[in-house]
């Protein structure tokens, strides 16, 4: 399986998880209950149900999760000052186009693919 974390990890920038957002905190608290009640195993379906549950919460209950996410984000920034999510995911190198189109009959590398 392809894993970016191992490939882009360096001594200067080890892999650091991003802080959880409000939905991730809600999902962590409610996941086991929903699995036991509804017997859902599919992750996408489970997240859809949890999303509907979270949207149905009152404004005050939702604000509680936003506050927890804000506190976690502040704690993360204190533990890892100057950290950016770009450290986990390296910049991709884009292929440069030559600007000229070469017909397949003139391409020397074409024979290796045939």
PDB file of N, CA and C in Angstrom:
ATOM      1  N   UNK A   1       0.836  -1.177   0.000  1.00  0.00           N
ATOM      2  CA  UNK A   1       0.000   0.000   0.000  1.00  0.00           C
ATOM      3  C   UNK A   1       0.879   1.238   0.000  1.00  0.00           C
ATOM      4  N   UNK A   2       0.450   2.251  -0.708  1.00  0.00           N
ATOM      5  CA  UNK A   2       1.199   3.485  -0.849  1.00  0.00           C
ATOM      6  C   UNK A   2       1.054   4.330   0.405  1.00  0.00           C
ATOM      7  N   UNK A   3       2.150   4.786   0.964  1.00  0.00           N
ATOM      8  CA  UNK A   3       2.088   5.556   2.210  1.00  0.00           C
ATOM      9  C   UNK A   3       2.984   6.778   2.092  1.00  0.00           C
ATOM     10  N   UNK A   4       2.409   7.949   2.077  1.00  0.00           N
ATOM     11  CA  UNK A   4       3.190   9.179   1.959  1.00  0.00           C
ATOM     12  C   UNK A   4       4.019   9.452   3.196  1.00  0.00           C
ATOM     13  N   UNK A   5       3.508   9.036   4.333  1.00  0.00           N
ATOM     14  CA  UNK A   5       4.189   9.373   5.581  1.00  0.00           C
ATOM     15  C   UNK A   5       5.613   8.856   5.595  1.00  0.00           C
ATOM     16  N   UNK A   6       5.809   7.630   5.176  1.00  0.00           N
ATOM     17  CA  UNK A   6       7.148   7.052   5.220  1.00  0.00           C
ATOM     18  C   UNK A   6       8.052   7.683   4.184  1.00  0.00           C
ATOM     19  N   UNK A   7       7.502   7.966   3.021  1.00  0.00           N
ATOM     20  CA  UNK A   7       8.321   8.470   1.931  1.00  0.00           C
ATOM     21  C   UNK A   7       8.844   9.879   2.205  1.00  0.00           C
ATOM     22  N   UNK A   8       8.027  10.743   2.782  1.00  0.00           N
ATOM     23  CA  UNK A   8       8.397  12.143   2.957  1.00  0.00           C
ATOM     24  C   UNK A   8       8.922  12.468   4.345  1.00  0.00           C
ATOM     25  N   UNK A   9       9.054  11.481   5.197  1.00  0.00           N
ATOM     26  CA  UNK A   9       9.530  11.732   6.552  1.00  0.00           C
ATOM     27  C   UNK A   9      11.043  11.971   6.506  1.00  0.00           C
ATOM     28  N   UNK A  10      11.481  13.026   7.169  1.00  0.00           N
ATOM     29  CA  UNK A  10      12.907  13.321   7.267  1.00  0.00           C
ATOM     30  C   UNK A  10      13.224  13.623   8.720  1.00  0.00           C
ATOM     31  N   UNK A  11      14.507  13.710   9.012  1.00  0.00           N
ATOM     32  CA  UNK A  11      14.916  14.033  10.375  1.00  0.00           C
ATOM     33  C   UNK A  11      14.508  15.460  10.742  1.00  0.00           C
ATOM     34  N   UNK A  12      14.503  16.355   9.746  1.00  0.00           N
ATOM     35  CA  UNK A  12      14.137  17.746  10.000  1.00  0.00           C
ATOM     36  C   UNK A  12      12.637  17.898  10.254  1.00  0.00           C
ATOM     37  N   UNK A  13      11.826  17.121   9.541  1.00  0.00           N
ATOM     38  CA  UNK A  13      10.370  17.243   9.634  1.00  0.00           C
ATOM     39  C   UNK A  13       9.746  15.865   9.799  1.00  0.00           C
ATOM     40  N   UNK A  14       9.666  15.332  11.027  1.00  0.00           N
ATOM     41  CA  UNK A  14       8.998  14.041  11.220  1.00  0.00           C
ATOM     42  C   UNK A  14       7.499  14.200  10.992  1.00  0.00           C
ATOM     43  N   UNK A  15       6.823  13.090  10.748  1.00  0.00           N
ATOM     44  CA  UNK A  15       5.379  13.138  10.518  1.00  0.00           C
ATOM     45  C   UNK A  15       4.661  13.516  11.807  1.00  0.00           C
ATOM     46  N   UNK A  16       3.857  14.558  11.744  1.00  0.00           N
ATOM     47  CA  UNK A  16       3.073  15.031  12.882  1.00  0.00           C
ATOM     48  C   UNK A  16       1.622  15.081  12.434  1.00  0.00           C
ATOM     49  N   UNK A  17       0.742  14.453  13.182  1.00  0.00           N
ATOM     50  CA  UNK A  17      -0.666  14.446  12.825  1.00  0.00           C
ATOM     51  C   UNK A  17      -1.253  15.844  12.967  1.00  0.00           C
ATOM     52  N   UNK A  18      -2.213  16.147  12.092  1.00  0.00           N
ATOM     53  CA  UNK A  18      -2.913  17.420  12.202  1.00  0.00           C
ATOM     54  C   UNK A  18      -3.889  17.346  13.377  1.00  0.00           C
ATOM     55  N   UNK A  19      -4.210  18.465  13.998  1.00  0.00           N
ATOM     56  CA  UNK A  19      -5.165  18.430  15.112  1.00  0.00           C
ATOM     57  C   UNK A  19      -6.560  18.059  14.604  1.00  0.00           C
ATOM     58  N   UNK A  20      -7.334  17.400  15.451  1.00  0.00           N
ATOM     59  CA  UNK A  20      -8.667  16.965  15.047  1.00  0.00           C
ATOM     60  C   UNK A  20      -9.624  18.144  14.951  1.00  0.00           C
ATOM     61  N   UNK A  21     -10.488  18.091  13.934  1.00  0.00           N
ATOM     62  CA  UNK A  21     -11.518  19.120  13.814  1.00  0.00           C
ATOM     63  C   UNK A  21     -12.757  18.685  14.592  1.00  0.00           C
ATOM     64  N   UNK A  22     -13.796  19.513  14.571  1.00  0.00           N
ATOM     65  CA  UNK A  22     -14.982  19.265  15.392  1.00  0.00           C
ATOM     66  C   UNK A  22     -15.665  17.945  15.013  1.00  0.00           C
ATOM     67  N   UNK A  23     -15.746  17.647  13.711  1.00  0.00           N
ATOM     68  CA  UNK A  23     -16.394  16.404  13.304  1.00  0.00           C
ATOM     69  C   UNK A  23     -15.584  15.191  13.742  1.00  0.00           C
ATOM     70  N   UNK A  24     -14.282  15.267  13.669  1.00  0.00           N
ATOM     71  CA  UNK A  24     -13.446  14.139  14.080  1.00  0.00           C
ATOM     72  C   UNK A  24     -13.606  13.854  15.574  1.00  0.00           C
ATOM     73  N   UNK A  25     -13.719  14.892  16.368  1.00  0.00           N
ATOM     74  CA  UNK A  25     -13.928  14.710  17.805  1.00  0.00           C
ATOM     75  C   UNK A  25     -15.295  14.083  18.059  1.00  0.00           C
ATOM     76  N   UNK A  26     -16.334  14.589  17.377  1.00  0.00           N
ATOM     77  CA  UNK A  26     -17.674  14.019  17.510  1.00  0.00           C
ATOM     78  C   UNK A  26     -17.678  12.559  17.071  1.00  0.00           C
ATOM     79  N   UNK A  27     -17.029  12.278  15.944  1.00  0.00           N
ATOM     80  CA  UNK A  27     -16.980  10.911  15.426  1.00  0.00           C
ATOM     81  C   UNK A  27     -16.290   9.979  16.412  1.00  0.00           C
ATOM     82  N   UNK A  28     -15.219  10.437  17.036  1.00  0.00           N
ATOM     83  CA  UNK A  28     -14.515   9.615  18.010  1.00  0.00           C
ATOM     84  C   UNK A  28     -15.370   9.249  19.205  1.00  0.00           C
ATOM     85  N   UNK A  29     -16.232  10.179  19.617  1.00  0.00           N
ATOM     86  CA  UNK A  29     -17.101   9.922  20.762  1.00  0.00           C
ATOM     87  C   UNK A  29     -18.293   9.034  20.412  1.00  0.00           C
ATOM     88  N   UNK A  30     -18.815   9.160  19.207  1.00  0.00           N
ATOM     89  CA  UNK A  30     -20.071   8.505  18.846  1.00  0.00           C
ATOM     90  C   UNK A  30     -19.913   7.233  18.014  1.00  0.00           C
ATOM     91  N   UNK A  31     -18.745   6.971  17.492  1.00  0.00           N
ATOM     92  CA  UNK A  31     -18.544   5.875  16.536  1.00  0.00           C
ATOM     93  C   UNK A  31     -18.965   4.517  17.092  1.00  0.00           C
ATOM     94  N   UNK A  32     -18.500   4.167  18.279  1.00  0.00           N
ATOM     95  CA  UNK A  32     -18.808   2.848  18.846  1.00  0.00           C
ATOM     96  C   UNK A  32     -20.297   2.678  19.094  1.00  0.00           C
ATOM     97  N   UNK A  33     -20.954   3.747  19.549  1.00  0.00           N
ATOM     98  CA  UNK A  33     -22.389   3.670  19.814  1.00  0.00           C
ATOM     99  C   UNK A  33     -23.173   3.380  18.531  1.00  0.00           C
ATOM    100  N   UNK A  34     -22.802   4.068  17.448  1.00  0.00           N
ATOM    101  CA  UNK A  34     -23.516   3.893  16.183  1.00  0.00           C
ATOM    102  C   UNK A  34     -23.255   2.502  15.614  1.00  0.00           C
ATOM    103  N   UNK A  35     -22.029   2.020  15.714  1.00  0.00           N
ATOM    104  CA  UNK A  35     -21.708   0.681  15.213  1.00  0.00           C
ATOM    105  C   UNK A  35     -22.517  -0.367  15.970  1.00  0.00           C
ATOM    106  N   UNK A  36     -22.621  -0.234  17.278  1.00  0.00           N
ATOM    107  CA  UNK A  36     -23.386  -1.193  18.078  1.00  0.00           C
ATOM    108  C   UNK A  36     -24.884  -1.111  17.784  1.00  0.00           C
ATOM    109  N   UNK A  37     -25.409   0.091  17.634  1.00  0.00           N
ATOM    110  CA  UNK A  37     -26.846   0.258  17.424  1.00  0.00           C
ATOM    111  C   UNK A  37     -27.281  -0.122  16.009  1.00  0.00           C
ATOM    112  N   UNK A  38     -26.552   0.346  15.008  1.00  0.00           N
ATOM    113  CA  UNK A  38     -26.984   0.161  13.616  1.00  0.00           C
ATOM    114  C   UNK A  38     -26.254  -0.962  12.883  1.00  0.00           C
ATOM    115  N   UNK A  39     -25.222  -1.518  13.480  1.00  0.00           N
ATOM    116  CA  UNK A  39     -24.456  -2.623  12.880  1.00  0.00           C
ATOM    117  C   UNK A  39     -23.889  -2.237  11.504  1.00  0.00           C
ATOM    118  N   UNK A  40     -23.376  -1.024  11.401  1.00  0.00           N
ATOM    119  CA  UNK A  40     -22.784  -0.547  10.151  1.00  0.00           C
ATOM    120  C   UNK A  40     -21.289  -0.818  10.190  1.00  0.00           C
ATOM    121  N   UNK A  41     -20.771  -1.428   9.145  1.00  0.00           N
ATOM    122  CA  UNK A  41     -19.330  -1.700   9.051  1.00  0.00           C
ATOM    123  C   UNK A  41     -18.648  -0.806   8.015  1.00  0.00           C
ATOM    124  N   UNK A  42     -19.396  -0.320   7.052  1.00  0.00           N
ATOM    125  CA  UNK A  42     -18.832   0.497   5.981  1.00  0.00           C
ATOM    126  C   UNK A  42     -18.491   1.888   6.512  1.00  0.00           C
ATOM    127  N   UNK A  43     -17.255   2.304   6.331  1.00  0.00           N
ATOM    128  CA  UNK A  43     -16.792   3.578   6.878  1.00  0.00           C
ATOM    129  C   UNK A  43     -17.530   4.765   6.270  1.00  0.00           C
ATOM    130  N   UNK A  44     -17.759   4.741   4.959  1.00  0.00           N
ATOM    131  CA  UNK A  44     -18.439   5.861   4.304  1.00  0.00           C
ATOM    132  C   UNK A  44     -19.873   5.995   4.808  1.00  0.00           C
ATOM    133  N   UNK A  45     -20.573   4.887   4.932  1.00  0.00           N
ATOM    134  CA  UNK A  45     -21.952   4.928   5.429  1.00  0.00           C
ATOM    135  C   UNK A  45     -21.983   5.385   6.884  1.00  0.00           C
ATOM    136  N   UNK A  46     -21.016   4.923   7.657  1.00  0.00           N
ATOM    137  CA  UNK A  46     -20.940   5.317   9.060  1.00  0.00           C
ATOM    138  C   UNK A  46     -20.707   6.819   9.184  1.00  0.00           C
ATOM    139  N   UNK A  47     -19.803   7.361   8.382  1.00  0.00           N
ATOM    140  CA  UNK A  47     -19.537   8.799   8.431  1.00  0.00           C
ATOM    141  C   UNK A  47     -20.746   9.601   7.969  1.00  0.00           C
ATOM    142  N   UNK A  48     -21.511   9.070   7.007  1.00  0.00           N
ATOM    143  CA  UNK A  48     -22.720   9.763   6.555  1.00  0.00           C
ATOM    144  C   UNK A  48     -23.742   9.834   7.685  1.00  0.00           C
ATOM    145  N   UNK A  49     -23.922   8.739   8.403  1.00  0.00           N
ATOM    146  CA  UNK A  49     -24.867   8.728   9.532  1.00  0.00           C
ATOM    147  C   UNK A  49     -24.388   9.681  10.621  1.00  0.00           C
ATOM    148  N   UNK A  50     -23.098   9.634  10.923  1.00  0.00           N
ATOM    149  CA  UNK A  50     -22.558  10.518  11.965  1.00  0.00           C
ATOM    150  C   UNK A  50     -22.673  11.980  11.562  1.00  0.00           C
ATOM    151  N   UNK A  51     -22.486  12.275  10.275  1.00  0.00           N
ATOM    152  CA  UNK A  51     -22.636  13.649   9.794  1.00  0.00           C
ATOM    153  C   UNK A  51     -24.052  14.157   9.978  1.00  0.00           C
ATOM    154  N   UNK A  52     -25.033  13.307   9.673  1.00  0.00           N
ATOM    155  CA  UNK A  52     -26.432  13.701   9.868  1.00  0.00           C
ATOM    156  C   UNK A  52     -26.735  13.893  11.349  1.00  0.00           C
ATOM    157  N   UNK A  53     -26.166  13.019  12.183  1.00  0.00           N
ATOM    158  CA  UNK A  53     -26.371  13.152  13.625  1.00  0.00           C
ATOM    159  C   UNK A  53     -25.798  14.474  14.134  1.00  0.00           C
ATOM    160  N   UNK A  54     -24.609  14.821  13.659  1.00  0.00           N
ATOM    161  CA  UNK A  54     -23.967  16.046  14.134  1.00  0.00           C
ATOM    162  C   UNK A  54     -24.730  17.283  13.678  1.00  0.00           C
ATOM    163  N   UNK A  55     -25.220  17.249  12.449  1.00  0.00           N
ATOM    164  CA  UNK A  55     -25.990  18.396  11.950  1.00  0.00           C
ATOM    165  C   UNK A  55     -27.318  18.554  12.691  1.00  0.00           C
ATOM    166  N   UNK A  56     -27.836  17.449  13.238  1.00  0.00           N
ATOM    167  CA  UNK A  56     -29.113  17.522  13.951  1.00  0.00           C
ATOM    168  C   UNK A  56     -28.949  18.008  15.396  1.00  0.00           C
ATOM    169  N   UNK A  57     -27.712  18.145  15.854  1.00  0.00           N
ATOM    170  CA  UNK A  57     -27.473  18.645  17.211  1.00  0.00           C
ATOM    171  C   UNK A  57     -27.874  20.110  17.310  1.00  0.00           C
ATOM    172  N   UNK A  58     -28.164  20.539  18.509  1.00  0.00           N
ATOM    173  CA  UNK A  58     -28.482  21.947  18.720  1.00  0.00           C
ATOM    174  C   UNK A  58     -27.215  22.786  18.546  1.00  0.00           C
ATOM    175  N   UNK A  59     -27.410  24.074  18.390  1.00  0.00           N
ATOM    176  CA  UNK A  59     -26.290  24.998  18.186  1.00  0.00           C
ATOM    177  C   UNK A  59     -25.321  24.958  19.371  1.00  0.00           C
ATOM    178  N   UNK A  60     -25.841  24.853  20.568  1.00  0.00           N
ATOM    179  CA  UNK A  60     -25.004  24.830  21.770  1.00  0.00           C
ATOM    180  C   UNK A  60     -24.154  23.561  21.825  1.00  0.00           C
ATOM    181  N   UNK A  61     -24.768  22.425  21.452  1.00  0.00           N
ATOM    182  CA  UNK A  61     -24.018  21.167  21.445  1.00  0.00           C
ATOM    183  C   UNK A  61     -22.922  21.192  20.388  1.00  0.00           C
ATOM    184  N   UNK A  62     -23.234  21.746  19.211  1.00  0.00           N
ATOM    185  CA  UNK A  62     -22.220  21.858  18.161  1.00  0.00           C
ATOM    186  C   UNK A  62     -21.090  22.785  18.593  1.00  0.00           C
ATOM    187  N   UNK A  63     -21.437  23.878  19.271  1.00  0.00           N
ATOM    188  CA  UNK A  63     -20.417  24.810  19.738  1.00  0.00           C
ATOM    189  C   UNK A  63     -19.451  24.151  20.716  1.00  0.00           C
ATOM    190  N   UNK A  64     -19.955  23.195  21.497  1.00  0.00           N
ATOM    191  CA  UNK A  64     -19.081  22.464  22.415  1.00  0.00           C
ATOM    192  C   UNK A  64     -17.984  21.713  21.664  1.00  0.00           C
ATOM    193  N   UNK A  65     -18.337  21.091  20.536  1.00  0.00           N
ATOM    194  CA  UNK A  65     -17.340  20.372  19.743  1.00  0.00           C
ATOM    195  C   UNK A  65     -16.382  21.342  19.048  1.00  0.00           C
ATOM    196  N   UNK A  66     -16.901  22.492  18.602  1.00  0.00           N
ATOM    197  CA  UNK A  66     -16.018  23.493  18.003  1.00  0.00           C
ATOM    198  C   UNK A  66     -15.024  24.028  19.038  1.00  0.00           C
ATOM    199  N   UNK A  67     -15.481  24.173  20.263  1.00  0.00           N
ATOM    200  CA  UNK A  67     -14.589  24.640  21.329  1.00  0.00           C
ATOM    201  C   UNK A  67     -13.507  23.600  21.620  1.00  0.00           C
ATOM    202  N   UNK A  68     -13.891  22.315  21.665  1.00  0.00           N
ATOM    203  CA  UNK A  68     -12.900  21.258  21.878  1.00  0.00           C
ATOM    204  C   UNK A  68     -11.870  21.249  20.759  1.00  0.00           C
ATOM    205  N   UNK A  69     -12.325  21.458  19.519  1.00  0.00           N
ATOM    206  CA  UNK A  69     -11.408  21.488  18.380  1.00  0.00           C
ATOM    207  C   UNK A  69     -10.462  22.682  18.464  1.00  0.00           C
ATOM    208  N   UNK A  70     -10.992  23.831  18.910  1.00  0.00           N
ATOM    209  CA  UNK A  70     -10.144  25.023  19.051  1.00  0.00           C
ATOM    210  C   UNK A  70      -9.072  24.799  20.112  1.00  0.00           C
ATOM    211  N   UNK A  71      -9.448  24.186  21.239  1.00  0.00           N
ATOM    212  CA  UNK A  71      -8.495  23.903  22.310  1.00  0.00           C
ATOM    213  C   UNK A  71      -7.426  22.935  21.819  1.00  0.00           C
ATOM    214  N   UNK A  72      -7.858  21.906  21.082  1.00  0.00           N
ATOM    215  CA  UNK A  72      -6.886  20.947  20.565  1.00  0.00           C
ATOM    216  C   UNK A  72      -5.929  21.601  19.566  1.00  0.00           C
ATOM    217  N   UNK A  73      -6.449  22.513  18.752  1.00  0.00           N
ATOM    218  CA  UNK A  73      -5.608  23.216  17.786  1.00  0.00           C
ATOM    219  C   UNK A  73      -4.578  24.099  18.500  1.00  0.00           C
ATOM    220  N   UNK A  74      -4.994  24.773  19.567  1.00  0.00           N
ATOM    221  CA  UNK A  74      -4.066  25.606  20.338  1.00  0.00           C
ATOM    222  C   UNK A  74      -2.994  24.760  21.016  1.00  0.00           C
ATOM    223  N   UNK A  75      -3.403  23.632  21.581  1.00  0.00           N
ATOM    224  CA  UNK A  75      -2.448  22.724  22.213  1.00  0.00           C
ATOM    225  C   UNK A  75      -1.444  22.199  21.193  1.00  0.00           C
ATOM    226  N   UNK A  76      -1.942  21.871  20.005  1.00  0.00           N
ATOM    227  CA  UNK A  76      -1.067  21.379  18.933  1.00  0.00           C
ATOM    228  C   UNK A  76      -0.061  22.450  18.521  1.00  0.00           C
ATOM    229  N   UNK A  77      -0.512  23.699  18.420  1.00  0.00           N
ATOM    230  CA  UNK A  77       0.397  24.777  18.017  1.00  0.00           C
ATOM    231  C   UNK A  77       1.432  25.074  19.102  1.00  0.00           C
ATOM    232  N   UNK A  78       1.103  24.813  20.378  1.00  0.00           N
ATOM    233  CA  UNK A  78       2.083  24.982  21.453  1.00  0.00           C
ATOM    234  C   UNK A  78       3.104  23.850  21.444  1.00  0.00           C
ATOM    235  N   UNK A  79       2.646  22.631  21.153  1.00  0.00           N
ATOM    236  CA  UNK A  79       3.546  21.484  21.136  1.00  0.00           C
ATOM    237  C   UNK A  79       4.454  21.485  19.911  1.00  0.00           C
ATOM    238  N   UNK A  80       3.935  22.013  18.793  1.00  0.00           N
ATOM    239  CA  UNK A  80       4.693  22.009  17.535  1.00  0.00           C
ATOM    240  C   UNK A  80       4.689  23.408  16.923  1.00  0.00           C
ATOM    241  N   UNK A  81       5.423  24.354  17.507  1.00  0.00           N
ATOM    242  CA  UNK A  81       5.413  25.717  16.966  1.00  0.00           C
ATOM    243  C   UNK A  81       6.038  25.759  15.571  1.00  0.00           C
ATOM    244  N   UNK A  82       5.426  26.518  14.701  1.00  0.00           N
ATOM    245  CA  UNK A  82       5.940  26.671  13.347  1.00  0.00           C
ATOM    246  C   UNK A  82       5.617  25.505  12.434  1.00  0.00           C
ATOM    247  N   UNK A  83       4.855  24.521  12.897  1.00  0.00           N
ATOM    248  CA  UNK A  83       4.526  23.353  12.092  1.00  0.00           C
ATOM    249  C   UNK A  83       3.507  23.715  11.024  1.00  0.00           C
ATOM    250  N   UNK A  84       3.647  23.108   9.874  1.00  0.00           N
ATOM    251  CA  UNK A  84       2.692  23.292   8.798  1.00  0.00           C
ATOM    252  C   UNK A  84       2.359  21.925   8.209  1.00  0.00           C
ATOM    253  N   UNK A  85       1.138  21.755   7.727  1.00  0.00           N
ATOM    254  CA  UNK A  85       0.732  20.472   7.143  1.00  0.00           C
ATOM    255  C   UNK A  85       1.547  20.141   5.903  1.00  0.00           C
ATOM    256  N   UNK A  86       2.165  21.131   5.287  1.00  0.00           N
ATOM    257  CA  UNK A  86       2.969  20.854   4.091  1.00  0.00           C
ATOM    258  C   UNK A  86       4.213  20.052   4.431  1.00  0.00           C
ATOM    259  N   UNK A  87       4.622  20.017   5.709  1.00  0.00           N
ATOM    260  CA  UNK A  87       5.763  19.195   6.090  1.00  0.00           C
ATOM    261  C   UNK A  87       5.449  17.716   5.934  1.00  0.00           C
ATOM    262  N   UNK A  88       4.179  17.320   6.109  1.00  0.00           N
ATOM    263  CA  UNK A  88       3.789  15.925   5.977  1.00  0.00           C
ATOM    264  C   UNK A  88       3.697  15.491   4.525  1.00  0.00           C
ATOM    265  N   UNK A  89       3.346  16.405   3.661  1.00  0.00           N
ATOM    266  CA  UNK A  89       3.123  16.062   2.263  1.00  0.00           C
ATOM    267  C   UNK A  89       4.053  16.898   1.412  1.00  0.00           C
ATOM    268  N   UNK A  90       5.043  16.254   0.828  1.00  0.00           N
ATOM    269  CA  UNK A  90       6.031  16.973   0.028  1.00  0.00           C
ATOM    270  C   UNK A  90       5.413  17.599  -1.200  1.00  0.00           C
ATOM    271  N   UNK A  91       6.055  18.605  -1.675  1.00  0.00           N
ATOM    272  CA  UNK A  91       5.577  19.247  -2.879  1.00  0.00           C
ATOM    273  C   UNK A  91       5.772  18.297  -4.048  1.00  0.00           C
ATOM    274  N   UNK A  92       4.744  18.141  -4.852  1.00  0.00           N
ATOM    275  CA  UNK A  92       4.853  17.230  -5.989  1.00  0.00           C
ATOM    276  C   UNK A  92       5.612  17.916  -7.114  1.00  0.00           C
ATOM    277  N   UNK A  93       6.422  17.151  -7.775  1.00  0.00           N
ATOM    278  CA  UNK A  93       7.173  17.682  -8.902  1.00  0.00           C
ATOM    279  C   UNK A  93       6.359  17.452 -10.167  1.00  0.00           C
ATOM    280  N   UNK A  94       6.014  18.506 -10.819  1.00  0.00           N
ATOM    281  CA  UNK A  94       5.209  18.401 -12.026  1.00  0.00           C
ATOM    282  C   UNK A  94       6.108  18.137 -13.217  1.00  0.00           C
ATOM    283  N   UNK A  95       5.610  17.333 -14.106  1.00  0.00           N
ATOM    284  CA  UNK A  95       6.366  17.051 -15.323  1.00  0.00           C
ATOM    285  C   UNK A  95       6.298  18.270 -16.228  1.00  0.00           C
ATOM    286  N   UNK A  96       7.414  18.604 -16.803  1.00  0.00           N
ATOM    287  CA  UNK A  96       7.453  19.732 -17.724  1.00  0.00           C
ATOM    288  C   UNK A  96       7.140  19.239 -19.125  1.00  0.00           C
ATOM    289  N   UNK A  97       6.339  19.988 -19.826  1.00  0.00           N
ATOM    290  CA  UNK A  97       6.026  19.653 -21.207  1.00  0.00           C
ATOM    291  C   UNK A  97       7.011  20.365 -22.121  1.00  0.00           C
ATOM    292  N   UNK A  98       7.369  19.694 -23.158  1.00  0.00           N
ATOM    293  CA  UNK A  98       8.350  20.287 -24.068  1.00  0.00           C
ATOM    294  C   UNK A  98       7.732  21.368 -24.935  1.00  0.00           C
ATOM    295  N   UNK A  99       6.419  21.330 -25.115  1.00  0.00           N
ATOM    296  CA  UNK A  99       5.777  22.343 -25.928  1.00  0.00           C
ATOM    297  C   UNK A  99       5.601  21.898 -27.365  1.00  0.00           C
ATOM    298  N   UNK A 100       6.317  20.878 -27.757  1.00  0.00           N
ATOM    299  CA  UNK A 100       6.197  20.359 -29.126  1.00  0.00           C
ATOM    300  C   UNK A 100       5.588  18.971 -29.083  1.00  0.00           C
ATOM    301  N   UNK A 101       4.736  18.686 -30.021  1.00  0.00           N
ATOM    302  CA  UNK A 101       4.136  17.372 -30.125  1.00  0.00           C
ATOM    303  C   UNK A 101       4.957  16.545 -31.083  1.00  0.00           C
ATOM    304  N   UNK A 102       5.274  15.314 -30.697  1.00  0.00           N
ATOM    305  CA  UNK A 102       6.047  14.421 -31.548  1.00  0.00           C
ATOM    306  C   UNK A 102       5.131  13.301 -32.019  1.00  0.00           C
ATOM    307  N   UNK A 103       5.010  13.105 -33.330  1.00  0.00           N
ATOM    308  CA  UNK A 103       4.170  12.012 -33.807  1.00  0.00           C
ATOM    309  C   UNK A 103       4.733  10.663 -33.379  1.00  0.00           C
ATOM    310  N   UNK A 104       3.875   9.675 -33.133  1.00  0.00           N
ATOM    311  CA  UNK A 104       4.350   8.373 -32.669  1.00  0.00           C
ATOM    312  C   UNK A 104       5.344   7.708 -33.618  1.00  0.00           C
ATOM    313  N   UNK A 105       5.243   7.997 -34.880  1.00  0.00           N
ATOM    314  CA  UNK A 105       6.167   7.373 -35.836  1.00  0.00           C
ATOM    315  C   UNK A 105       7.600   7.862 -35.644  1.00  0.00           C
ATOM    316  N   UNK A 106       7.774   9.043 -35.060  1.00  0.00           N
ATOM    317  CA  UNK A 106       9.103   9.589 -34.855  1.00  0.00           C
ATOM    318  C   UNK A 106       9.623   9.374 -33.436  1.00  0.00           C
ATOM    319  N   UNK A 107       8.823   8.796 -32.604  1.00  0.00           N
ATOM    320  CA  UNK A 107       9.206   8.592 -31.212  1.00  0.00           C
ATOM    321  C   UNK A 107      10.080   7.348 -31.103  1.00  0.00           C
ATOM    322  N   UNK A 108      11.291   7.507 -30.558  1.00  0.00           N
ATOM    323  CA  UNK A 108      12.233   6.395 -30.450  1.00  0.00           C
ATOM    324  C   UNK A 108      11.838   5.426 -29.338  1.00  0.00           C
ATOM    325  N   UNK A 109      11.221   5.900 -28.292  1.00  0.00           N
ATOM    326  CA  UNK A 109      10.851   5.055 -27.171  1.00  0.00           C
ATOM    327  C   UNK A 109       9.582   4.245 -27.411  1.00  0.00           C
ATOM    328  N   UNK A 110       8.892   4.494 -28.532  1.00  0.00           N
ATOM    329  CA  UNK A 110       7.653   3.814 -28.819  1.00  0.00           C
ATOM    330  C   UNK A 110       7.861   2.315 -29.009  1.00  0.00           C
ATOM    331  N   UNK A 111       8.973   1.917 -29.589  1.00  0.00           N
ATOM    332  CA  UNK A 111       9.229   0.505 -29.855  1.00  0.00           C
ATOM    333  C   UNK A 111       9.325  -0.302 -28.557  1.00  0.00           C
ATOM    334  N   UNK A 112       9.768   0.298 -27.482  1.00  0.00           N
ATOM    335  CA  UNK A 112       9.896  -0.434 -26.215  1.00  0.00           C
ATOM    336  C   UNK A 112       8.525  -0.738 -25.611  1.00  0.00           C
ATOM    337  N   UNK A 113       7.496   0.017 -25.978  1.00  0.00           N
ATOM    338  CA  UNK A 113       6.161  -0.214 -25.440  1.00  0.00           C
ATOM    339  C   UNK A 113       5.334  -1.178 -26.291  1.00  0.00           C
ATOM    340  N   UNK A 114       5.737  -1.382 -27.517  1.00  0.00           N
ATOM    341  CA  UNK A 114       4.956  -2.240 -28.437  1.00  0.00           C
ATOM    342  C   UNK A 114       5.301  -3.688 -28.275  1.00  0.00           C
TER     343      UNK A 114
END
